[in-house]
Amino acid sequence: MFEPYLCPICHRNRTHFTLIYKLEQEVQLDPKTGVPVFESQELEPVLRPDGTPDLEVRCARCNYVASETAFIPRRSPENGKTQPRRRGP
């Protein structure tokens, strides 16, 4: 279920994270005043196209927040060791 995480910013944290799950709520607003005329009482999880919950991860050490994929380190094909993801070219 879970992949090992590595913070792409501080490069030290592999153990302490906060998972942030996204929820959606249907609302209908009056077009002139912006006042809600309907608010659903249900909060639904936001799902990715593959059906898994859409979530973000926060590093508990440096507080960087990004999508989960940013925290999953790439594995080097030649030795299998994890490498931090590089930003930019």
C-alpha atoms as a PDB file:
ATOM      1  CA  MET A   1       0.000   0.000   0.000  1.00  0.00           C
ATOM      2  CA  PHE A   2       2.604   2.591   1.036  1.00  0.00           C
ATOM      3  CA  GLU A   3       5.858   3.362  -0.742  1.00  0.00           C
ATOM      4  CA  PRO A   4       8.926   4.539   1.189  1.00  0.00           C
ATOM      5  CA  TYR A   5       8.981   8.349   1.365  1.00  0.00           C
ATOM      6  CA  LEU A   6      11.895  10.777   1.251  1.00  0.00           C
ATOM      7  CA  CYS A   7      11.407  14.540   1.569  1.00  0.00           C
ATOM      8  CA  PRO A   8      12.523  16.135  -1.727  1.00  0.00           C
ATOM      9  CA  ILE A   9      13.511  19.368   0.056  1.00  0.00           C
ATOM     10  CA  CYS A  10      15.356  18.491   3.269  1.00  0.00           C
ATOM     11  CA  HIS A  11      16.520  15.024   2.041  1.00  0.00           C
ATOM     12  CA  ARG A  12      16.762  13.827   5.670  1.00  0.00           C
ATOM     13  CA  ASN A  13      13.254  12.822   6.598  1.00  0.00           C
ATOM     14  CA  ARG A  14      12.204   9.269   5.811  1.00  0.00           C
ATOM     15  CA  THR A  15       9.948   8.659   8.807  1.00  0.00           C
ATOM     16  CA  HIS A  16       7.701  11.586   9.886  1.00  0.00           C
ATOM     17  CA  PHE A  17       4.981  12.793   7.519  1.00  0.00           C
ATOM     18  CA  THR A  18       1.389  14.024   7.559  1.00  0.00           C
ATOM     19  CA  LEU A  19      -1.031  12.700   4.928  1.00  0.00           C
ATOM     20  CA  ILE A  20      -3.546  15.277   3.707  1.00  0.00           C
ATOM     21  CA  TYR A  21      -6.624  13.732   2.097  1.00  0.00           C
ATOM     22  CA  LYS A  22      -8.731  15.973  -0.127  1.00  0.00           C
ATOM     23  CA  LEU A  23     -12.521  16.144   0.281  1.00  0.00           C
ATOM     24  CA  GLU A  24     -15.198  17.761  -1.852  1.00  0.00           C
ATOM     25  CA  GLN A  25     -18.601  19.213  -0.964  1.00  0.00           C
ATOM     26  CA  GLU A  26     -21.306  20.216  -3.445  1.00  0.00           C
ATOM     27  CA  VAL A  27     -22.584  23.789  -3.064  1.00  0.00           C
ATOM     28  CA  GLN A  28     -24.884  26.005  -5.128  1.00  0.00           C
ATOM     29  CA  LEU A  29     -24.512  29.769  -4.847  1.00  0.00           C
ATOM     30  CA  ASP A  30     -26.857  32.622  -5.671  1.00  0.00           C
ATOM     31  CA  PRO A  31     -25.283  34.154  -8.810  1.00  0.00           C
ATOM     32  CA  LYS A  32     -25.890  37.757  -7.677  1.00  0.00           C
ATOM     33  CA  THR A  33     -25.019  37.633  -3.999  1.00  0.00           C
ATOM     34  CA  GLY A  34     -22.775  34.571  -3.729  1.00  0.00           C
ATOM     35  CA  VAL A  35     -24.833  33.357  -0.762  1.00  0.00           C
ATOM     36  CA  PRO A  36     -25.102  29.546  -0.610  1.00  0.00           C
ATOM     37  CA  VAL A  37     -28.594  28.347  -1.555  1.00  0.00           C
ATOM     38  CA  PHE A  38     -27.651  24.670  -1.159  1.00  0.00           C
ATOM     39  CA  GLU A  39     -24.847  22.908   0.684  1.00  0.00           C
ATOM     40  CA  SER A  40     -24.518  19.148   0.668  1.00  0.00           C
ATOM     41  CA  GLN A  41     -24.107  17.652   4.125  1.00  0.00           C
ATOM     42  CA  GLU A  42     -21.781  14.988   2.719  1.00  0.00           C
ATOM     43  CA  LEU A  43     -18.055  15.288   2.162  1.00  0.00           C
ATOM     44  CA  GLU A  44     -16.797  12.974  -0.564  1.00  0.00           C
ATOM     45  CA  PRO A  45     -13.176  11.969  -1.036  1.00  0.00           C
ATOM     46  CA  VAL A  46     -11.518  13.326  -4.176  1.00  0.00           C
ATOM     47  CA  LEU A  47     -10.342  10.330  -6.197  1.00  0.00           C
ATOM     48  CA  ARG A  48      -7.627  10.028  -8.815  1.00  0.00           C
ATOM     49  CA  PRO A  49      -8.518   8.466 -12.184  1.00  0.00           C
ATOM     50  CA  ASP A  50      -7.291   5.070 -10.906  1.00  0.00           C
ATOM     51  CA  GLY A  51      -9.772   5.222  -7.984  1.00  0.00           C
ATOM     52  CA  THR A  52      -7.246   5.873  -5.197  1.00  0.00           C
ATOM     53  CA  PRO A  53      -7.688   8.880  -2.882  1.00  0.00           C
ATOM     54  CA  ASP A  54      -6.029  12.103  -4.000  1.00  0.00           C
ATOM     55  CA  LEU A  55      -3.659  13.120  -1.250  1.00  0.00           C
ATOM     56  CA  GLU A  56      -0.778  15.400  -0.454  1.00  0.00           C
ATOM     57  CA  VAL A  57       2.101  14.748   1.919  1.00  0.00           C
ATOM     58  CA  ARG A  58       3.659  17.185   4.409  1.00  0.00           C
ATOM     59  CA  CYS A  59       7.174  16.660   5.728  1.00  0.00           C
ATOM     60  CA  ALA A  60       7.009  16.895   9.538  1.00  0.00           C
ATOM     61  CA  ARG A  61      10.560  18.286   9.676  1.00  0.00           C
ATOM     62  CA  CYS A  62      10.586  21.116   7.093  1.00  0.00           C
ATOM     63  CA  ASN A  63       6.767  21.429   6.494  1.00  0.00           C
ATOM     64  CA  TYR A  64       7.098  21.105   2.699  1.00  0.00           C
ATOM     65  CA  VAL A  65       3.761  20.031   1.133  1.00  0.00           C
ATOM     66  CA  ALA A  66       3.427  18.405  -2.295  1.00  0.00           C
ATOM     67  CA  SER A  67       1.693  15.552  -4.073  1.00  0.00           C
ATOM     68  CA  GLU A  68       2.561  12.072  -2.891  1.00  0.00           C
ATOM     69  CA  THR A  69       4.595  11.346  -6.024  1.00  0.00           C
ATOM     70  CA  ALA A  70       7.107  14.064  -5.087  1.00  0.00           C
ATOM     71  CA  PHE A  71       7.932  12.133  -1.888  1.00  0.00           C
ATOM     72  CA  ILE A  72       8.477   8.735  -3.548  1.00  0.00           C
ATOM     73  CA  PRO A  73      12.187   8.503  -4.381  1.00  0.00           C
ATOM     74  CA  ARG A  74      13.308   7.033  -7.682  1.00  0.00           C
ATOM     75  CA  ARG A  75      15.348   3.853  -7.584  1.00  0.00           C
ATOM     76  CA  SER A  76      18.628   3.774  -9.457  1.00  0.00           C
ATOM     77  CA  PRO A  77      18.435   1.000 -12.100  1.00  0.00           C
ATOM     78  CA  GLU A  78      22.049  -0.082 -11.655  1.00  0.00           C
ATOM     79  CA  ASN A  79      22.196  -0.555  -7.871  1.00  0.00           C
ATOM     80  CA  GLY A  80      18.581  -0.328  -6.643  1.00  0.00           C
ATOM     81  CA  LYS A  81      19.386   2.482  -4.170  1.00  0.00           C
ATOM     82  CA  THR A  82      16.892   5.296  -3.770  1.00  0.00           C
ATOM     83  CA  GLN A  83      17.744   8.693  -5.189  1.00  0.00           C
ATOM     84  CA  PRO A  84      16.031  11.989  -4.360  1.00  0.00           C
ATOM     85  CA  ARG A  85      13.955  13.386  -7.206  1.00  0.00           C
ATOM     86  CA  ARG A  86      15.679  16.251  -8.961  1.00  0.00           C
ATOM     87  CA  ARG A  87      13.842  19.505  -9.587  1.00  0.00           C
ATOM     88  CA  GLY A  88      14.211  21.048 -13.025  1.00  0.00           C
ATOM     89  CA  PRO A  89      16.426  19.925 -15.948  1.00  0.00           C
END
